[in-house]
Amino acid sequence: PRWDGVPAGPKPVMQVPFLSELHSIRATRAPRAVAARRRGRLTLYLAALTLAAGGARAAEDPRPTHRFAVVEGQQVVGTLQRVTAAYEDTLPGIGRMFDLGYEEMTRANPDVDVWLPGDGADVLLPTQFILPEAPRDGLVLNVAAMRLYYFAPEDEDGQRPLFTHPIGIGRVGWATPLGSTRITAKAANPAWYVPESIRKEHAEAGDPLPAVVPPGPDNPLGAHALRLAMPGYLLHGTNKPAGVGLRVSHGCIRLYPEDIASLYEMVPKGTPVHIVEQPYLAGWYGERLMFSAHVPLEETGGDWLAALELIDRRVQDAPEGVGSVDIDWRRVARIAREGKGVAYPIETGSPVPAAWRAASPLVRTEAVANYRPPEDEDVPEG
């Protein structure tokens, strides 16, 4: 439906490189590359031993995936996790248990069959999120990552509850608009007043729609809707949860039914909404500089120069206690090219993506967010 502190001393200087030069450009703090490379090789070796151990590693309790507490300046939340698939699992099914969308799961696991991962398959859960650059008041939607963030009001300790969920967005030709707006109205069990343009499209496809679709299982708005000040656009549920994490709507933002129900209770009218498109994200996770890349939207193609400038800013504003920062530009280019949407460290000598993945906790497959499987649904123990 359309509807933190900076270390003392001189600042590092980093030239913005061309792609062909990425392998030779480094941030000019004191070099630590040799020792870092050795640590990276050791980490990869230990990770290989961990993988070789196979089933000896017991599955742990899953980490939170949708609710966090953030402080001023925090740039990364969550942690990467893995599960072992059972024979009846699908990637979308596993994703919903952990509040992940379709493309988040399939892009993070390009070598795993979507519908038949296979008994014992190692499945990566991209549940570590680099926060987009946007005002941290209310809702922030990054359409490139197909993910929503709700920054709730701060508590007495100065921590801000953060809720994050996957979203479905407008398909090509019906792109979700960017910009800042606000929530103007809320509706439970909404009727869908079908725009004339959508009725015409469906009629031409031999699937005519009525002028009004009443509440119920055939209503694509689902059971809850939040209206934006942008005329004709909503955040709403869906009667087709499989579309969450895909470009399938006429511009509106779709959420899993359980996620929009939760937001409906928390988000008041007047809440600011910031819709951005940021396929490239970078942020500090302790003393690690993390970088993730999502496939840019077809209409825009992404802005690679903006990614380099973002990394430059992060290097300039490294947390206190971080000494030298030597960027592995080959790794940055590869992460950007693959567009898996997974956050990996990018300093020279830090664990390579395969080692970083292997070191992530192996957890049980169980619902950790708002989703609750039907009682008659057989949920694998993982």
Protein backbone atom coordinates (compact mmCIF):
# COMPACT_ATOMS: atom_id res chain seq x y z
CA PRO A 1 0.00 0.00 0.00
CA ARG A 2 1.26 3.48 -0.76
CA TRP A 3 0.24 5.13 1.64
CA ASP A 4 33.98 9.95 22.61
CA GLY A 5 36.99 11.05 23.46
CA VAL A 6 39.88 11.62 21.00
CA PRO A 7 43.49 10.65 21.90
CA ALA A 8 45.96 13.44 22.46
CA GLY A 9 48.42 14.32 19.73
CA PRO A 10 48.07 15.16 16.06
CA LYS A 11 45.04 13.98 14.17
CA PRO A 12 45.56 11.23 11.60
CA VAL A 13 45.40 12.30 7.99
CA MET A 14 43.80 10.00 5.45
CA GLN A 15 43.55 10.62 1.74
CA VAL A 16 40.33 9.51 0.10
CA PRO A 17 41.48 6.70 -2.20
CA PHE A 18 40.34 5.54 -5.59
CA LEU A 19 39.32 1.89 -5.76
CA SER A 20 42.51 0.94 -7.59
CA GLU A 21 44.57 2.47 -4.78
CA LEU A 22 42.79 0.99 -1.79
CA HIS A 23 45.48 -1.60 -1.16
CA SER A 24 48.17 1.01 -0.60
CA ILE A 25 46.41 3.73 1.41
CA ARG A 26 46.64 3.75 5.20
CA ALA A 27 45.64 6.07 8.01
CA THR A 28 48.80 7.71 9.24
CA ARG A 29 48.82 6.97 12.92
CA ALA A 30 51.84 5.07 14.25
CA PRO A 31 51.93 1.76 12.31
CA ARG A 32 51.11 -1.45 14.11
CA ALA A 33 50.50 -3.51 11.00
CA VAL A 34 53.13 -6.25 11.49
CA ALA A 35 52.06 -7.23 14.99
CA ALA A 36 48.42 -6.91 14.01
CA ARG A 37 48.86 -9.24 11.03
CA ARG A 38 50.40 -11.84 13.32
CA ARG A 39 47.48 -11.56 15.71
CA GLY A 40 45.10 -11.89 12.79
CA ARG A 41 46.80 -15.07 11.55
CA LEU A 42 46.71 -16.53 15.06
CA THR A 43 43.00 -15.70 15.36
CA LEU A 44 42.28 -17.39 12.02
CA TYR A 45 44.25 -20.47 13.09
CA LEU A 46 42.35 -20.73 16.37
CA ALA A 47 39.07 -20.23 14.55
CA ALA A 48 39.96 -23.08 12.19
CA LEU A 49 40.60 -25.32 15.17
CA THR A 50 37.22 -24.31 16.57
CA LEU A 51 35.49 -25.23 13.32
CA ALA A 52 37.36 -28.53 13.20
CA ALA A 53 36.00 -29.35 16.63
CA GLY A 54 32.54 -29.33 15.03
CA GLY A 55 29.76 -30.57 17.25
CA ALA A 56 31.89 -30.47 20.38
CA ARG A 57 30.84 -26.87 20.88
CA ALA A 58 27.54 -26.74 22.73
CA ALA A 59 24.88 -24.26 21.65
CA GLU A 60 24.42 -21.34 24.04
CA ASP A 61 21.50 -19.13 24.95
CA PRO A 62 20.82 -16.69 22.09
CA ARG A 63 21.80 -13.05 22.57
CA PRO A 64 19.27 -10.21 22.34
CA THR A 65 18.46 -9.17 18.79
CA HIS A 66 15.77 -6.49 19.03
CA ARG A 67 16.16 -4.58 22.31
CA PHE A 68 19.28 -2.82 23.57
CA ALA A 69 20.30 0.03 25.86
CA VAL A 70 22.54 2.60 24.18
CA VAL A 71 24.53 5.50 25.57
CA GLU A 72 25.56 8.75 23.93
CA GLY A 73 28.00 8.13 21.09
CA GLN A 74 27.51 4.37 20.91
CA GLN A 75 27.79 3.22 17.31
CA VAL A 76 27.30 -0.57 17.36
CA VAL A 77 24.84 -2.84 19.16
CA GLY A 78 24.35 -6.58 19.31
CA THR A 79 26.66 -9.41 18.42
CA LEU A 80 27.08 -11.79 15.51
CA GLN A 81 25.62 -15.26 16.19
CA ARG A 82 25.30 -18.64 14.49
CA VAL A 83 22.83 -21.50 14.62
CA THR A 84 22.89 -25.05 13.34
CA ALA A 85 19.98 -25.71 10.99
CA ALA A 86 17.66 -28.68 11.42
CA TYR A 87 16.35 -30.58 8.41
CA GLU A 88 12.95 -28.81 8.49
CA ASP A 89 14.37 -25.28 8.80
CA THR A 90 14.30 -22.51 6.19
CA LEU A 91 16.36 -19.33 6.24
CA PRO A 92 13.26 -17.07 6.47
CA GLY A 93 11.89 -19.25 9.26
CA ILE A 94 15.10 -19.00 11.25
CA GLY A 95 15.26 -15.29 10.53
CA ARG A 96 11.84 -14.60 12.00
CA MET A 97 12.81 -16.37 15.22
CA PHE A 98 15.63 -13.83 15.58
CA ASP A 99 13.75 -10.83 14.15
CA LEU A 100 15.68 -10.77 10.87
CA GLY A 101 14.26 -10.15 7.40
CA TYR A 102 14.50 -12.16 4.20
CA GLU A 103 17.41 -10.36 2.57
CA GLU A 104 19.31 -10.03 5.83
CA MET A 105 19.33 -13.82 6.08
CA THR A 106 19.91 -14.71 2.45
CA ARG A 107 22.69 -12.17 1.82
CA ALA A 108 24.52 -13.15 5.01
CA ASN A 109 24.35 -16.81 3.94
CA PRO A 110 24.88 -16.81 0.16
CA ASP A 111 26.07 -20.43 0.08
CA VAL A 112 23.10 -21.79 2.05
CA ASP A 113 19.92 -22.90 0.27
CA VAL A 114 17.06 -20.58 1.23
CA TRP A 115 14.40 -23.24 1.57
CA LEU A 116 16.51 -26.34 2.28
CA PRO A 117 19.56 -25.30 4.29
CA GLY A 118 20.16 -28.92 5.24
CA ASP A 119 20.44 -30.67 8.58
CA GLY A 120 23.56 -29.43 10.33
CA ALA A 121 24.14 -26.39 8.10
CA ASP A 122 25.97 -23.51 9.80
CA VAL A 123 23.75 -20.42 9.50
CA LEU A 124 25.01 -16.93 10.27
CA LEU A 125 22.71 -14.50 12.08
CA PRO A 126 23.61 -10.87 11.23
CA THR A 127 22.43 -9.60 14.60
CA GLN A 128 25.17 -7.02 15.13
CA PHE A 129 24.03 -3.64 13.88
CA ILE A 130 26.00 -0.50 13.07
CA LEU A 131 23.67 2.38 13.79
CA PRO A 132 22.94 4.77 10.90
CA GLU A 133 23.88 8.43 11.07
CA ALA A 134 20.62 10.17 11.93
CA PRO A 135 19.02 12.05 14.83
CA ARG A 136 18.47 9.70 17.74
CA ASP A 137 14.99 10.83 18.56
CA GLY A 138 12.10 8.59 17.67
CA LEU A 139 12.15 6.32 14.63
CA VAL A 140 15.06 5.94 12.22
CA LEU A 141 14.54 3.83 9.10
CA ASN A 142 17.50 2.83 6.94
CA VAL A 143 15.89 1.66 3.72
CA ALA A 144 19.20 0.36 2.31
CA ALA A 145 19.54 -2.01 5.27
CA MET A 146 15.76 -2.59 5.43
CA ARG A 147 15.84 -1.98 9.18
CA LEU A 148 14.01 0.27 11.63
CA TYR A 149 15.31 1.67 14.92
CA TYR A 150 13.18 3.21 17.65
CA PHE A 151 15.15 5.38 20.08
CA ALA A 152 12.88 5.60 23.10
CA PRO A 153 13.26 8.40 25.69
CA GLU A 154 16.31 8.21 27.97
CA ASP A 155 15.98 6.65 31.41
CA GLU A 156 17.26 8.08 34.68
CA ASP A 157 20.73 6.59 34.10
CA GLY A 158 21.15 8.33 30.77
CA GLN A 159 20.64 5.13 28.81
CA ARG A 160 18.27 5.13 25.87
CA PRO A 161 16.24 1.97 25.14
CA LEU A 162 16.67 1.00 21.50
CA PHE A 163 14.33 -1.31 19.62
CA THR A 164 15.16 -2.54 16.13
CA HIS A 165 13.19 -4.56 13.59
CA PRO A 166 13.44 -5.61 9.94
CA ILE A 167 11.19 -3.87 7.43
CA GLY A 168 9.87 -4.32 3.91
CA ILE A 169 10.01 -1.25 1.67
CA GLY A 170 8.75 0.07 -1.65
CA ARG A 171 9.68 -1.85 -4.78
CA VAL A 172 11.35 -0.30 -7.80
CA GLY A 173 9.04 2.35 -9.23
CA TRP A 174 7.31 2.76 -5.87
CA ALA A 175 10.30 3.68 -3.72
CA THR A 176 9.80 4.56 -0.08
CA PRO A 177 10.45 8.31 0.22
CA LEU A 178 13.40 9.66 2.19
CA GLY A 179 13.32 12.56 4.63
CA SER A 180 12.12 13.55 8.09
CA THR A 181 8.47 13.37 9.08
CA ARG A 182 6.40 12.33 12.10
CA ILE A 183 3.65 9.97 13.23
CA THR A 184 0.31 11.71 12.83
CA ALA A 185 -2.19 8.93 13.66
CA LYS A 186 -2.48 5.37 14.90
CA ALA A 187 -5.06 2.76 13.98
CA ALA A 188 -5.82 -0.75 15.21
CA ASN A 189 -7.55 -3.07 12.74
CA PRO A 190 -7.43 -0.45 9.99
CA ALA A 191 -9.41 -0.58 6.78
CA TRP A 192 -7.40 -0.09 3.61
CA TYR A 193 -8.71 2.61 1.31
CA VAL A 194 -7.03 1.50 -1.88
CA PRO A 195 -5.40 4.32 -3.88
CA GLU A 196 -6.66 4.63 -7.43
CA SER A 197 -3.19 4.02 -8.86
CA ILE A 198 -2.98 0.65 -7.10
CA ARG A 199 -6.51 -0.34 -8.15
CA LYS A 200 -5.57 0.43 -11.74
CA GLU A 201 -2.37 -1.63 -11.51
CA HIS A 202 -4.23 -4.62 -10.09
CA ALA A 203 -7.04 -4.33 -12.63
CA GLU A 204 -4.53 -4.38 -15.49
CA ALA A 205 -3.00 -7.52 -13.98
CA GLY A 206 -6.41 -9.22 -13.82
CA ASP A 207 -6.62 -8.95 -10.03
CA PRO A 208 -9.18 -6.20 -9.33
CA LEU A 209 -9.38 -4.69 -5.86
CA PRO A 210 -12.37 -3.09 -4.12
CA ALA A 211 -12.26 0.57 -3.15
CA VAL A 212 -12.04 -0.42 0.52
CA VAL A 213 -10.57 -3.60 2.03
CA PRO A 214 -12.06 -4.13 5.51
CA PRO A 215 -10.05 -5.33 8.51
CA GLY A 216 -9.34 -9.04 8.48
CA PRO A 217 -6.98 -11.68 7.10
CA ASP A 218 -7.19 -10.31 3.54
CA ASN A 219 -6.14 -6.80 4.55
CA PRO A 220 -2.47 -6.16 3.62
CA LEU A 221 -2.17 -3.53 6.37
CA GLY A 222 -2.43 -6.19 9.04
CA ALA A 223 -3.77 -5.36 12.48
CA HIS A 224 -1.90 -2.11 13.22
CA ALA A 225 -0.87 1.01 11.32
CA LEU A 226 1.03 4.22 12.07
CA ARG A 227 0.31 7.04 9.64
CA LEU A 228 3.12 9.38 8.55
CA ALA A 229 2.81 13.08 7.82
CA MET A 230 3.96 12.17 4.30
CA PRO A 231 0.58 11.86 2.56
CA GLY A 232 -0.34 8.30 1.69
CA TYR A 233 2.41 6.50 3.62
CA LEU A 234 2.16 4.18 6.61
CA LEU A 235 4.19 1.93 8.85
CA HIS A 236 1.99 -1.14 9.15
CA GLY A 237 1.76 -4.87 9.66
CA THR A 238 1.09 -7.38 6.93
CA ASN A 239 -0.89 -10.47 6.08
CA LYS A 240 2.17 -11.77 4.22
CA PRO A 241 5.09 -11.84 6.68
CA ALA A 242 7.37 -13.37 4.05
CA GLY A 243 7.59 -9.92 2.44
CA VAL A 244 9.40 -8.40 5.41
CA GLY A 245 12.97 -7.76 4.38
CA LEU A 246 12.09 -7.36 0.69
CA ARG A 247 11.18 -4.58 -1.74
CA VAL A 248 7.56 -5.55 -2.26
CA SER A 249 5.29 -2.67 -1.21
CA HIS A 250 3.91 0.38 -2.99
CA GLY A 251 6.06 2.63 -0.81
CA CYS A 252 4.77 1.88 2.68
CA ILE A 253 6.92 0.24 5.35
CA ARG A 254 5.93 -3.28 6.35
CA LEU A 255 6.81 -4.98 9.62
CA TYR A 256 6.22 -8.42 11.06
CA PRO A 257 2.79 -8.44 12.78
CA GLU A 258 4.39 -9.00 16.16
CA ASP A 259 6.80 -6.07 15.71
CA ILE A 260 4.24 -3.48 14.61
CA ALA A 261 2.01 -4.57 17.52
CA SER A 262 4.86 -3.79 19.92
CA LEU A 263 5.68 -0.46 18.29
CA TYR A 264 2.00 0.49 18.24
CA GLU A 265 1.94 0.35 22.04
CA MET A 266 5.21 2.26 22.52
CA VAL A 267 5.28 4.96 19.85
CA PRO A 268 3.06 8.01 20.52
CA LYS A 269 1.60 10.36 17.96
CA GLY A 270 4.01 13.14 17.11
CA THR A 271 7.07 10.86 17.25
CA PRO A 272 9.75 12.04 14.77
CA VAL A 273 10.54 9.69 11.88
CA HIS A 274 13.79 9.90 9.90
CA ILE A 275 14.02 7.84 6.70
CA VAL A 276 17.56 7.52 5.33
CA GLU A 277 19.39 5.48 2.73
CA GLN A 278 22.81 4.42 4.06
CA PRO A 279 24.11 1.19 2.51
CA TYR A 280 27.60 1.69 3.99
CA LEU A 281 27.95 1.86 7.76
CA ALA A 282 31.00 2.14 10.03
CA GLY A 283 31.34 2.36 13.79
CA TRP A 284 33.53 1.54 16.76
CA TYR A 285 32.87 -1.66 18.70
CA GLY A 286 35.24 -1.34 21.62
CA GLU A 287 38.64 -0.96 19.97
CA ARG A 288 37.48 -2.52 16.70
CA LEU A 289 36.41 -0.38 13.77
CA MET A 290 33.51 -2.22 12.14
CA PHE A 291 32.20 -1.82 8.60
CA SER A 292 29.15 -3.27 6.90
CA ALA A 293 27.81 -2.89 3.38
CA HIS A 294 24.32 -3.52 2.08
CA VAL A 295 23.40 -3.72 -1.58
CA PRO A 296 22.51 -0.15 -2.62
CA LEU A 297 19.03 0.50 -3.92
CA GLU A 298 18.72 0.12 -7.67
CA GLU A 299 17.57 3.71 -8.15
CA THR A 300 20.65 5.28 -6.54
CA GLY A 301 23.48 2.76 -6.81
CA GLY A 302 25.06 3.85 -3.52
CA ASP A 303 27.78 6.40 -2.83
CA TRP A 304 31.18 4.76 -2.46
CA LEU A 305 32.90 8.08 -1.78
CA ALA A 306 30.56 8.62 1.18
CA ALA A 307 31.67 5.25 2.58
CA LEU A 308 35.33 6.29 2.43
CA GLU A 309 34.58 9.63 4.02
CA LEU A 310 32.63 7.90 6.79
CA ILE A 311 35.56 5.60 7.57
CA ASP A 312 37.83 8.66 7.58
CA ARG A 313 35.59 10.37 10.15
CA ARG A 314 35.55 7.28 12.32
CA VAL A 315 39.36 7.11 12.24
CA GLN A 316 39.58 10.78 13.17
CA ASP A 317 37.23 10.26 16.12
CA ALA A 318 38.68 6.99 17.43
CA PRO A 319 37.83 6.25 21.08
CA GLU A 320 40.30 7.17 23.77
CA GLY A 321 42.87 4.45 24.23
CA VAL A 322 42.95 3.41 20.58
CA GLY A 323 46.44 4.05 19.28
CA SER A 324 47.32 3.41 15.68
CA VAL A 325 44.60 2.81 13.10
CA ASP A 326 45.74 1.03 9.96
CA ILE A 327 42.85 0.29 7.59
CA ASP A 328 42.82 -2.84 5.44
CA TRP A 329 41.41 -1.24 2.29
CA ARG A 330 41.36 -4.51 0.38
CA ARG A 331 39.00 -5.87 3.02
CA VAL A 332 36.85 -2.73 2.90
CA ALA A 333 36.53 -3.05 -0.88
CA ARG A 334 35.63 -6.73 -0.65
CA ILE A 335 32.99 -6.17 2.04
CA ALA A 336 31.48 -3.37 -0.06
CA ARG A 337 31.53 -5.47 -3.21
CA GLU A 338 29.87 -8.50 -1.58
CA GLY A 339 27.14 -6.48 0.16
CA LYS A 340 26.31 -9.14 2.74
CA GLY A 341 25.14 -6.66 5.36
CA VAL A 342 27.39 -8.23 8.01
CA ALA A 343 29.58 -6.05 10.25
CA TYR A 344 33.27 -7.01 10.18
CA PRO A 345 36.41 -5.37 11.63
CA ILE A 346 38.52 -3.57 9.03
CA GLU A 347 41.81 -2.67 10.71
CA THR A 348 44.86 -4.38 9.27
CA GLY A 349 45.57 -7.52 11.28
CA SER A 350 42.12 -7.76 12.83
CA PRO A 351 40.33 -11.10 12.42
CA VAL A 352 39.38 -11.74 8.80
CA PRO A 353 35.65 -12.22 8.13
CA ALA A 354 35.89 -16.03 8.16
CA ALA A 355 37.62 -15.97 11.54
CA TRP A 356 35.24 -13.34 12.92
CA ARG A 357 32.30 -15.48 11.88
CA ALA A 358 33.81 -18.66 13.30
CA ALA A 359 34.43 -16.97 16.64
CA SER A 360 30.80 -15.84 16.97
CA PRO A 361 28.73 -17.77 19.52
CA LEU A 362 26.78 -20.82 18.40
CA VAL A 363 23.29 -20.42 19.88
CA ARG A 364 20.08 -22.38 20.06
CA THR A 365 17.33 -21.73 17.55
CA GLU A 366 14.54 -20.20 19.60
CA ALA A 367 12.38 -17.10 19.47
CA VAL A 368 14.22 -14.27 21.19
CA ALA A 369 12.23 -11.21 20.09
CA ASN A 370 8.47 -10.60 19.71
CA TYR A 371 7.66 -13.64 17.58
CA ARG A 372 5.95 -16.62 19.20
CA PRO A 373 5.51 -19.69 16.99
CA PRO A 374 2.03 -21.24 16.88
CA GLU A 375 1.62 -23.96 19.46
CA ASP A 376 1.26 -26.62 16.79
CA GLU A 377 4.42 -25.49 15.00
CA ASP A 378 7.35 -27.84 15.48
CA VAL A 379 10.26 -25.64 16.51
CA PRO A 380 13.70 -27.26 16.26
CA GLU A 381 15.90 -27.12 19.31
CA GLY A 382 18.95 -26.20 17.21
